[in-house]
Amino acid sequence: MILEKIRSLCSERKTTISNLERATGIANGCIRKWEAASPTAENLTKVADYFGVSVDFLLGRSPYVLSAEAQQYAKQFDALPDDKKQLAMAYMGVVQAQ
């Protein structure tokens, strides 16, 4: 299941598993072995970070993937002080109600 999700993400991003391994510093051929063996938490986190998805998504626990734009907004939201977060949430409530 993990390997299939990774293959799908590679296809969407027009990359290969070999390129993914090089970019994340994971040993050559390691990811393909995840079809029969479990990855380490460290390697799974590297793959999740590379694709901008959660580890839960790779594990099949979350069907939702944030777009790059949504990830950027989430990072900006996380950096806001609490009073600004409340204001942003109130604004989102108004926009959604329309």
PDB file of N, CA and C in Angstrom:
ATOM      1  N   MET A   1       0.826  -1.189   0.000  1.00  0.00           N
ATOM      2  CA  MET A   1       0.000   0.000   0.000  1.00  0.00           C
ATOM      3  C   MET A   1       0.875   1.260   0.000  1.00  0.00           C
ATOM      4  N   ILE A   2       1.914   1.289   0.839  1.00  0.00           N
ATOM      5  CA  ILE A   2       2.798   2.455   0.899  1.00  0.00           C
ATOM      6  C   ILE A   2       3.484   2.646  -0.446  1.00  0.00           C
ATOM      7  N   LEU A   3       3.991   1.563  -0.986  1.00  0.00           N
ATOM      8  CA  LEU A   3       4.708   1.648  -2.252  1.00  0.00           C
ATOM      9  C   LEU A   3       3.795   2.132  -3.373  1.00  0.00           C
ATOM     10  N   GLU A   4       2.552   1.693  -3.383  1.00  0.00           N
ATOM     11  CA  GLU A   4       1.612   2.140  -4.413  1.00  0.00           C
ATOM     12  C   GLU A   4       1.346   3.632  -4.300  1.00  0.00           C
ATOM     13  N   LYS A   5       1.205   4.142  -3.085  1.00  0.00           N
ATOM     14  CA  LYS A   5       1.000   5.583  -2.896  1.00  0.00           C
ATOM     15  C   LYS A   5       2.222   6.361  -3.385  1.00  0.00           C
ATOM     16  N   ILE A   6       3.408   5.841  -3.082  1.00  0.00           N
ATOM     17  CA  ILE A   6       4.636   6.512  -3.515  1.00  0.00           C
ATOM     18  C   ILE A   6       4.738   6.491  -5.033  1.00  0.00           C
ATOM     19  N   ARG A   7       4.429   5.366  -5.642  1.00  0.00           N
ATOM     20  CA  ARG A   7       4.448   5.294  -7.108  1.00  0.00           C
ATOM     21  C   ARG A   7       3.471   6.303  -7.713  1.00  0.00           C
ATOM     22  N   SER A   8       2.302   6.416  -7.121  1.00  0.00           N
ATOM     23  CA  SER A   8       1.309   7.375  -7.612  1.00  0.00           C
ATOM     24  C   SER A   8       1.813   8.812  -7.474  1.00  0.00           C
ATOM     25  N   LEU A   9       2.403   9.130  -6.335  1.00  0.00           N
ATOM     26  CA  LEU A   9       2.946  10.471  -6.124  1.00  0.00           C
ATOM     27  C   LEU A   9       4.085  10.751  -7.098  1.00  0.00           C
ATOM     28  N   CYS A  10       4.937   9.765  -7.331  1.00  0.00           N
ATOM     29  CA  CYS A  10       6.030   9.928  -8.300  1.00  0.00           C
ATOM     30  C   CYS A  10       5.463  10.212  -9.687  1.00  0.00           C
ATOM     31  N   SER A  11       4.440   9.477 -10.051  1.00  0.00           N
ATOM     32  CA  SER A  11       3.817   9.672 -11.355  1.00  0.00           C
ATOM     33  C   SER A  11       3.232  11.077 -11.483  1.00  0.00           C
ATOM     34  N   GLU A  12       2.545  11.529 -10.445  1.00  0.00           N
ATOM     35  CA  GLU A  12       1.953  12.875 -10.459  1.00  0.00           C
ATOM     36  C   GLU A  12       3.028  13.948 -10.584  1.00  0.00           C
ATOM     37  N   ARG A  13       4.157  13.750  -9.941  1.00  0.00           N
ATOM     38  CA  ARG A  13       5.242  14.735  -9.936  1.00  0.00           C
ATOM     39  C   ARG A  13       6.245  14.518 -11.061  1.00  0.00           C
ATOM     40  N   LYS A  14       5.969  13.507 -11.898  1.00  0.00           N
ATOM     41  CA  LYS A  14       6.846  13.201 -13.033  1.00  0.00           C
ATOM     42  C   LYS A  14       8.290  12.960 -12.578  1.00  0.00           C
ATOM     43  N   THR A  15       8.412  12.099 -11.593  1.00  0.00           N
ATOM     44  CA  THR A  15       9.729  11.701 -11.115  1.00  0.00           C
ATOM     45  C   THR A  15       9.738  10.181 -10.980  1.00  0.00           C
ATOM     46  N   THR A  16      10.868   9.641 -10.620  1.00  0.00           N
ATOM     47  CA  THR A  16      10.997   8.200 -10.446  1.00  0.00           C
ATOM     48  C   THR A  16      11.351   7.885  -8.999  1.00  0.00           C
ATOM     49  N   ILE A  17      11.187   6.640  -8.643  1.00  0.00           N
ATOM     50  CA  ILE A  17      11.568   6.217  -7.299  1.00  0.00           C
ATOM     51  C   ILE A  17      13.075   6.385  -7.112  1.00  0.00           C
ATOM     52  N   SER A  18      13.840   6.116  -8.151  1.00  0.00           N
ATOM     53  CA  SER A  18      15.304   6.304  -8.057  1.00  0.00           C
ATOM     54  C   SER A  18      15.645   7.766  -7.777  1.00  0.00           C
ATOM     55  N   ASN A  19      14.982   8.692  -8.477  1.00  0.00           N
ATOM     56  CA  ASN A  19      15.213  10.124  -8.225  1.00  0.00           C
ATOM     57  C   ASN A  19      14.792  10.498  -6.813  1.00  0.00           C
ATOM     58  N   LEU A  20      13.677   9.934  -6.352  1.00  0.00           N
ATOM     59  CA  LEU A  20      13.202  10.190  -4.992  1.00  0.00           C
ATOM     60  C   LEU A  20      14.239   9.721  -3.972  1.00  0.00           C
ATOM     61  N   GLU A  21      14.780   8.535  -4.180  1.00  0.00           N
ATOM     62  CA  GLU A  21      15.803   8.015  -3.260  1.00  0.00           C
ATOM     63  C   GLU A  21      17.029   8.915  -3.231  1.00  0.00           C
ATOM     64  N   ARG A  22      17.480   9.363  -4.394  1.00  0.00           N
ATOM     65  CA  ARG A  22      18.646  10.260  -4.446  1.00  0.00           C
ATOM     66  C   ARG A  22      18.343  11.580  -3.726  1.00  0.00           C
ATOM     67  N   ALA A  23      17.168  12.148  -4.004  1.00  0.00           N
ATOM     68  CA  ALA A  23      16.820  13.456  -3.429  1.00  0.00           C
ATOM     69  C   ALA A  23      16.673  13.411  -1.913  1.00  0.00           C
ATOM     70  N   THR A  24      16.254  12.271  -1.383  1.00  0.00           N
ATOM     71  CA  THR A  24      16.015  12.163   0.058  1.00  0.00           C
ATOM     72  C   THR A  24      17.152  11.493   0.817  1.00  0.00           C
ATOM     73  N   GLY A  25      18.144  10.990   0.085  1.00  0.00           N
ATOM     74  CA  GLY A  25      19.263  10.324   0.737  1.00  0.00           C
ATOM     75  C   GLY A  25      18.948   8.910   1.206  1.00  0.00           C
ATOM     76  N   ILE A  26      17.900   8.334   0.640  1.00  0.00           N
ATOM     77  CA  ILE A  26      17.536   6.954   0.968  1.00  0.00           C
ATOM     78  C   ILE A  26      18.334   6.037   0.042  1.00  0.00           C
ATOM     79  N   ALA A  27      18.808   4.926   0.578  1.00  0.00           N
ATOM     80  CA  ALA A  27      19.647   3.999  -0.189  1.00  0.00           C
ATOM     81  C   ALA A  27      18.947   3.523  -1.463  1.00  0.00           C
ATOM     82  N   ASN A  28      19.747   3.351  -2.498  1.00  0.00           N
ATOM     83  CA  ASN A  28      19.244   2.899  -3.794  1.00  0.00           C
ATOM     84  C   ASN A  28      18.529   1.550  -3.660  1.00  0.00           C
ATOM     85  N   GLY A  29      17.305   1.460  -4.146  1.00  0.00           N
ATOM     86  CA  GLY A  29      16.527   0.225  -4.116  1.00  0.00           C
ATOM     87  C   GLY A  29      15.766  -0.007  -2.825  1.00  0.00           C
ATOM     88  N   CYS A  30      15.974   0.848  -1.849  1.00  0.00           N
ATOM     89  CA  CYS A  30      15.337   0.674  -0.541  1.00  0.00           C
ATOM     90  C   CYS A  30      13.816   0.813  -0.619  1.00  0.00           C
ATOM     91  N   ILE A  31      13.334   1.817  -1.314  1.00  0.00           N
ATOM     92  CA  ILE A  31      11.893   2.078  -1.351  1.00  0.00           C
ATOM     93  C   ILE A  31      11.143   0.921  -1.993  1.00  0.00           C
ATOM     94  N   ARG A  32      11.686   0.341  -3.034  1.00  0.00           N
ATOM     95  CA  ARG A  32      11.009  -0.790  -3.691  1.00  0.00           C
ATOM     96  C   ARG A  32      10.832  -1.977  -2.749  1.00  0.00           C
ATOM     97  N   LYS A  33      11.692  -2.093  -1.770  1.00  0.00           N
ATOM     98  CA  LYS A  33      11.601  -3.184  -0.797  1.00  0.00           C
ATOM     99  C   LYS A  33      10.425  -2.995   0.162  1.00  0.00           C
ATOM    100  N   TRP A  34       9.844  -1.799   0.177  1.00  0.00           N
ATOM    101  CA  TRP A  34       8.739  -1.530   1.087  1.00  0.00           C
ATOM    102  C   TRP A  34       7.469  -2.268   0.691  1.00  0.00           C
ATOM    103  N   GLU A  35       7.501  -2.928  -0.446  1.00  0.00           N
ATOM    104  CA  GLU A  35       6.359  -3.748  -0.841  1.00  0.00           C
ATOM    105  C   GLU A  35       6.235  -4.949   0.091  1.00  0.00           C
ATOM    106  N   ALA A  36       7.367  -5.430   0.595  1.00  0.00           N
ATOM    107  CA  ALA A  36       7.368  -6.610   1.458  1.00  0.00           C
ATOM    108  C   ALA A  36       7.832  -6.310   2.884  1.00  0.00           C
ATOM    109  N   ALA A  37       8.465  -5.177   3.083  1.00  0.00           N
ATOM    110  CA  ALA A  37       9.002  -4.829   4.402  1.00  0.00           C
ATOM    111  C   ALA A  37       8.563  -3.426   4.779  1.00  0.00           C
ATOM    112  N   SER A  38       8.548  -3.156   6.058  1.00  0.00           N
ATOM    113  CA  SER A  38       8.138  -1.831   6.537  1.00  0.00           C
ATOM    114  C   SER A  38       9.307  -0.854   6.509  1.00  0.00           C
ATOM    115  N   PRO A  39       9.047   0.388   6.107  1.00  0.00           N
ATOM    116  CA  PRO A  39      10.106   1.402   6.121  1.00  0.00           C
ATOM    117  C   PRO A  39      10.367   1.886   7.542  1.00  0.00           C
ATOM    118  N   THR A  40      11.534   2.473   7.733  1.00  0.00           N
ATOM    119  CA  THR A  40      11.804   3.112   9.021  1.00  0.00           C
ATOM    120  C   THR A  40      10.997   4.400   9.102  1.00  0.00           C
ATOM    121  N   ALA A  41      10.740   4.836  10.296  1.00  0.00           N
ATOM    122  CA  ALA A  41      10.007   6.095  10.480  1.00  0.00           C
ATOM    123  C   ALA A  41      10.777   7.252   9.857  1.00  0.00           C
ATOM    124  N   GLU A  42      12.092   7.221   9.970  1.00  0.00           N
ATOM    125  CA  GLU A  42      12.927   8.284   9.410  1.00  0.00           C
ATOM    126  C   GLU A  42      12.769   8.356   7.886  1.00  0.00           C
ATOM    127  N   ASN A  43      12.846   7.209   7.212  1.00  0.00           N
ATOM    128  CA  ASN A  43      12.722   7.207   5.761  1.00  0.00           C
ATOM    129  C   ASN A  43      11.311   7.573   5.308  1.00  0.00           C
ATOM    130  N   LEU A  44      10.320   7.112   6.035  1.00  0.00           N
ATOM    131  CA  LEU A  44       8.940   7.443   5.687  1.00  0.00           C
ATOM    132  C   LEU A  44       8.712   8.950   5.820  1.00  0.00           C
ATOM    133  N   THR A  45       9.302   9.541   6.838  1.00  0.00           N
ATOM    134  CA  THR A  45       9.196  10.987   7.037  1.00  0.00           C
ATOM    135  C   THR A  45       9.890  11.744   5.911  1.00  0.00           C
ATOM    136  N   LYS A  46      11.036  11.260   5.465  1.00  0.00           N
ATOM    137  CA  LYS A  46      11.744  11.904   4.353  1.00  0.00           C
ATOM    138  C   LYS A  46      10.881  11.916   3.092  1.00  0.00           C
ATOM    139  N   VAL A  47      10.231  10.799   2.804  1.00  0.00           N
ATOM    140  CA  VAL A  47       9.374  10.705   1.613  1.00  0.00           C
ATOM    141  C   VAL A  47       8.166  11.628   1.763  1.00  0.00           C
ATOM    142  N   ALA A  48       7.550  11.624   2.934  1.00  0.00           N
ATOM    143  CA  ALA A  48       6.393  12.494   3.176  1.00  0.00           C
ATOM    144  C   ALA A  48       6.782  13.958   3.002  1.00  0.00           C
ATOM    145  N   ASP A  49       7.909  14.353   3.563  1.00  0.00           N
ATOM    146  CA  ASP A  49       8.369  15.740   3.436  1.00  0.00           C
ATOM    147  C   ASP A  49       8.664  16.091   1.977  1.00  0.00           C
ATOM    148  N   TYR A  50       9.266  15.180   1.256  1.00  0.00           N
ATOM    149  CA  TYR A  50       9.597  15.417  -0.154  1.00  0.00           C
ATOM    150  C   TYR A  50       8.337  15.727  -0.959  1.00  0.00           C
ATOM    151  N   PHE A  51       7.276  14.967  -0.724  1.00  0.00           N
ATOM    152  CA  PHE A  51       6.046  15.148  -1.486  1.00  0.00           C
ATOM    153  C   PHE A  51       5.083  16.152  -0.856  1.00  0.00           C
ATOM    154  N   GLY A  52       5.374  16.606   0.358  1.00  0.00           N
ATOM    155  CA  GLY A  52       4.482  17.552   1.015  1.00  0.00           C
ATOM    156  C   GLY A  52       3.185  16.911   1.473  1.00  0.00           C
ATOM    157  N   VAL A  53       3.264  15.654   1.867  1.00  0.00           N
ATOM    158  CA  VAL A  53       2.098  14.947   2.395  1.00  0.00           C
ATOM    159  C   VAL A  53       2.425  14.500   3.813  1.00  0.00           C
ATOM    160  N   SER A  54       1.431  13.998   4.513  1.00  0.00           N
ATOM    161  CA  SER A  54       1.670  13.509   5.867  1.00  0.00           C
ATOM    162  C   SER A  54       2.092  12.048   5.833  1.00  0.00           C
ATOM    163  N   VAL A  55       2.744  11.632   6.885  1.00  0.00           N
ATOM    164  CA  VAL A  55       3.073  10.218   7.034  1.00  0.00           C
ATOM    165  C   VAL A  55       1.785   9.409   7.092  1.00  0.00           C
ATOM    166  N   ASP A  56       0.768   9.960   7.752  1.00  0.00           N
ATOM    167  CA  ASP A  56      -0.533   9.282   7.802  1.00  0.00           C
ATOM    168  C   ASP A  56      -1.086   9.033   6.403  1.00  0.00           C
ATOM    169  N   PHE A  57      -0.916   9.980   5.509  1.00  0.00           N
ATOM    170  CA  PHE A  57      -1.375   9.777   4.134  1.00  0.00           C
ATOM    171  C   PHE A  57      -0.652   8.593   3.501  1.00  0.00           C
ATOM    172  N   LEU A  58       0.671   8.532   3.662  1.00  0.00           N
ATOM    173  CA  LEU A  58       1.430   7.421   3.083  1.00  0.00           C
ATOM    174  C   LEU A  58       1.018   6.086   3.681  1.00  0.00           C
ATOM    175  N   LEU A  59       0.616   6.109   4.947  1.00  0.00           N
ATOM    176  CA  LEU A  59       0.182   4.885   5.618  1.00  0.00           C
ATOM    177  C   LEU A  59      -1.264   4.524   5.313  1.00  0.00           C
ATOM    178  N   GLY A  60      -1.943   5.383   4.561  1.00  0.00           N
ATOM    179  CA  GLY A  60      -3.335   5.108   4.213  1.00  0.00           C
ATOM    180  C   GLY A  60      -4.320   5.523   5.281  1.00  0.00           C
ATOM    181  N   ARG A  61      -3.903   6.357   6.205  1.00  0.00           N
ATOM    182  CA  ARG A  61      -4.770   6.781   7.301  1.00  0.00           C
ATOM    183  C   ARG A  61      -5.504   8.076   7.008  1.00  0.00           C
ATOM    184  N   SER A  62      -5.093   8.784   5.973  1.00  0.00           N
ATOM    185  CA  SER A  62      -5.703  10.068   5.652  1.00  0.00           C
ATOM    186  C   SER A  62      -5.844  10.185   4.138  1.00  0.00           C
ATOM    187  N   PRO A  63      -7.065  10.295   3.639  1.00  0.00           N
ATOM    188  CA  PRO A  63      -7.243  10.353   2.186  1.00  0.00           C
ATOM    189  C   PRO A  63      -6.980  11.733   1.592  1.00  0.00           C
ATOM    190  N   TYR A  64      -6.670  12.722   2.421  1.00  0.00           N
ATOM    191  CA  TYR A  64      -6.598  14.095   1.954  1.00  0.00           C
ATOM    192  C   TYR A  64      -5.157  14.557   1.795  1.00  0.00           C
ATOM    193  N   VAL A  65      -4.854  15.153   0.655  1.00  0.00           N
ATOM    194  CA  VAL A  65      -3.527  15.719   0.398  1.00  0.00           C
ATOM    195  C   VAL A  65      -3.697  17.209   0.156  1.00  0.00           C
ATOM    196  N   LEU A  66      -2.879  18.017   0.803  1.00  0.00           N
ATOM    197  CA  LEU A  66      -2.932  19.461   0.599  1.00  0.00           C
ATOM    198  C   LEU A  66      -2.138  19.843  -0.647  1.00  0.00           C
ATOM    199  N   SER A  67      -2.692  20.740  -1.431  1.00  0.00           N
ATOM    200  CA  SER A  67      -1.963  21.263  -2.583  1.00  0.00           C
ATOM    201  C   SER A  67      -0.786  22.101  -2.084  1.00  0.00           C
ATOM    202  N   ALA A  68       0.124  22.396  -2.976  1.00  0.00           N
ATOM    203  CA  ALA A  68       1.274  23.233  -2.606  1.00  0.00           C
ATOM    204  C   ALA A  68       0.802  24.595  -2.104  1.00  0.00           C
ATOM    205  N   GLU A  69      -0.220  25.135  -2.751  1.00  0.00           N
ATOM    206  CA  GLU A  69      -0.760  26.435  -2.332  1.00  0.00           C
ATOM    207  C   GLU A  69      -1.360  26.344  -0.926  1.00  0.00           C
ATOM    208  N   ALA A  70      -2.115  25.288  -0.658  1.00  0.00           N
ATOM    209  CA  ALA A  70      -2.722  25.117   0.662  1.00  0.00           C
ATOM    210  C   ALA A  70      -1.650  24.922   1.731  1.00  0.00           C
ATOM    211  N   GLN A  71      -0.580  24.208   1.393  1.00  0.00           N
ATOM    212  CA  GLN A  71       0.517  24.029   2.334  1.00  0.00           C
ATOM    213  C   GLN A  71       1.160  25.363   2.684  1.00  0.00           C
ATOM    214  N   GLN A  72       1.319  26.216   1.680  1.00  0.00           N
ATOM    215  CA  GLN A  72       1.908  27.534   1.920  1.00  0.00           C
ATOM    216  C   GLN A  72       1.020  28.361   2.854  1.00  0.00           C
ATOM    217  N   TYR A  73      -0.304  28.328   2.602  1.00  0.00           N
ATOM    218  CA  TYR A  73      -1.226  29.059   3.479  1.00  0.00           C
ATOM    219  C   TYR A  73      -1.225  28.485   4.893  1.00  0.00           C
ATOM    220  N   ALA A  74      -1.125  27.163   5.003  1.00  0.00           N
ATOM    221  CA  ALA A  74      -1.092  26.531   6.319  1.00  0.00           C
ATOM    222  C   ALA A  74       0.151  26.973   7.091  1.00  0.00           C
ATOM    223  N   LYS A  75       1.286  27.055   6.413  1.00  0.00           N
ATOM    224  CA  LYS A  75       2.520  27.503   7.063  1.00  0.00           C
ATOM    225  C   LYS A  75       2.386  28.958   7.525  1.00  0.00           C
ATOM    226  N   GLN A  76       1.781  29.788   6.683  1.00  0.00           N
ATOM    227  CA  GLN A  76       1.583  31.188   7.051  1.00  0.00           C
ATOM    228  C   GLN A  76       0.633  31.289   8.244  1.00  0.00           C
ATOM    229  N   PHE A  77      -0.419  30.472   8.226  1.00  0.00           N
ATOM    230  CA  PHE A  77      -1.383  30.468   9.330  1.00  0.00           C
ATOM    231  C   PHE A  77      -0.701  30.057  10.628  1.00  0.00           C
ATOM    232  N   ASP A  78       0.117  29.001  10.574  1.00  0.00           N
ATOM    233  CA  ASP A  78       0.822  28.523  11.768  1.00  0.00           C
ATOM    234  C   ASP A  78       1.747  29.576  12.361  1.00  0.00           C
ATOM    235  N   ALA A  79       2.269  30.463  11.527  1.00  0.00           N
ATOM    236  CA  ALA A  79       3.198  31.492  11.997  1.00  0.00           C
ATOM    237  C   ALA A  79       2.490  32.686  12.638  1.00  0.00           C
ATOM    238  N   LEU A  80       1.179  32.767  12.486  1.00  0.00           N
ATOM    239  CA  LEU A  80       0.430  33.900  13.039  1.00  0.00           C
ATOM    240  C   LEU A  80       0.303  33.797  14.554  1.00  0.00           C
ATOM    241  N   PRO A  81       0.242  34.950  15.233  1.00  0.00           N
ATOM    242  CA  PRO A  81      -0.073  34.919  16.667  1.00  0.00           C
ATOM    243  C   PRO A  81      -1.545  34.492  16.831  1.00  0.00           C
ATOM    244  N   ASP A  82      -1.892  34.038  18.029  1.00  0.00           N
ATOM    245  CA  ASP A  82      -3.232  33.495  18.267  1.00  0.00           C
ATOM    246  C   ASP A  82      -4.359  34.454  17.915  1.00  0.00           C
ATOM    247  N   ASP A  83      -4.190  35.746  18.210  1.00  0.00           N
ATOM    248  CA  ASP A  83      -5.268  36.692  17.908  1.00  0.00           C
ATOM    249  C   ASP A  83      -5.491  36.823  16.396  1.00  0.00           C
ATOM    250  N   LYS A  84      -4.413  36.750  15.633  1.00  0.00           N
ATOM    251  CA  LYS A  84      -4.524  36.817  14.170  1.00  0.00           C
ATOM    252  C   LYS A  84      -5.122  35.514  13.609  1.00  0.00           C
ATOM    253  N   LYS A  85      -4.813  34.385  14.246  1.00  0.00           N
ATOM    254  CA  LYS A  85      -5.408  33.114  13.830  1.00  0.00           C
ATOM    255  C   LYS A  85      -6.924  33.149  14.006  1.00  0.00           C
ATOM    256  N   GLN A  86      -7.367  33.699  15.130  1.00  0.00           N
ATOM    257  CA  GLN A  86      -8.807  33.804  15.382  1.00  0.00           C
ATOM    258  C   GLN A  86      -9.465  34.696  14.328  1.00  0.00           C
ATOM    259  N   LEU A  87      -8.807  35.770  13.963  1.00  0.00           N
ATOM    260  CA  LEU A  87      -9.327  36.678  12.950  1.00  0.00           C
ATOM    261  C   LEU A  87      -9.407  35.977  11.592  1.00  0.00           C
ATOM    262  N   ALA A  88      -8.366  35.223  11.243  1.00  0.00           N
ATOM    263  CA  ALA A  88      -8.354  34.488   9.976  1.00  0.00           C
ATOM    264  C   ALA A  88      -9.461  33.439   9.951  1.00  0.00           C
ATOM    265  N   MET A  89      -9.674  32.748  11.057  1.00  0.00           N
ATOM    266  CA  MET A  89     -10.739  31.740  11.129  1.00  0.00           C
ATOM    267  C   MET A  89     -12.116  32.395  11.004  1.00  0.00           C
ATOM    268  N   ALA A  90     -12.285  33.555  11.619  1.00  0.00           N
ATOM    269  CA  ALA A  90     -13.560  34.277  11.506  1.00  0.00           C
ATOM    270  C   ALA A  90     -13.802  34.687  10.055  1.00  0.00           C
ATOM    271  N   TYR A  91     -12.772  35.152   9.386  1.00  0.00           N
ATOM    272  CA  TYR A  91     -12.889  35.528   7.982  1.00  0.00           C
ATOM    273  C   TYR A  91     -13.249  34.324   7.122  1.00  0.00           C
ATOM    274  N   MET A  92     -12.620  33.198   7.372  1.00  0.00           N
ATOM    275  CA  MET A  92     -12.930  31.969   6.610  1.00  0.00           C
ATOM    276  C   MET A  92     -14.388  31.573   6.824  1.00  0.00           C
ATOM    277  N   GLY A  93     -14.899  31.757   8.046  1.00  0.00           N
ATOM    278  CA  GLY A  93     -16.310  31.454   8.304  1.00  0.00           C
ATOM    279  C   GLY A  93     -17.232  32.327   7.478  1.00  0.00           C
ATOM    280  N   VAL A  94     -16.886  33.590   7.323  1.00  0.00           N
ATOM    281  CA  VAL A  94     -17.689  34.512   6.519  1.00  0.00           C
ATOM    282  C   VAL A  94     -17.624  34.121   5.041  1.00  0.00           C
ATOM    283  N   VAL A  95     -16.433  33.822   4.545  1.00  0.00           N
ATOM    284  CA  VAL A  95     -16.257  33.469   3.146  1.00  0.00           C
ATOM    285  C   VAL A  95     -16.979  32.169   2.824  1.00  0.00           C
ATOM    286  N   GLN A  96     -16.915  31.191   3.689  1.00  0.00           N
ATOM    287  CA  GLN A  96     -17.577  29.902   3.456  1.00  0.00           C
ATOM    288  C   GLN A  96     -19.076  30.035   3.473  1.00  0.00           C
ATOM    289  N   ALA A  97     -19.598  30.979   4.228  1.00  0.00           N
ATOM    290  CA  ALA A  97     -21.050  31.148   4.350  1.00  0.00           C
ATOM    291  C   ALA A  97     -21.660  31.770   3.092  1.00  0.00           C
ATOM    292  N   GLN A  98     -20.832  32.363   2.284  1.00  0.00           N
ATOM    293  CA  GLN A  98     -21.363  33.052   1.080  1.00  0.00           C
ATOM    294  C   GLN A  98     -21.674  32.095  -0.030  1.00  0.00           C
TER     295      GLN A  98
END
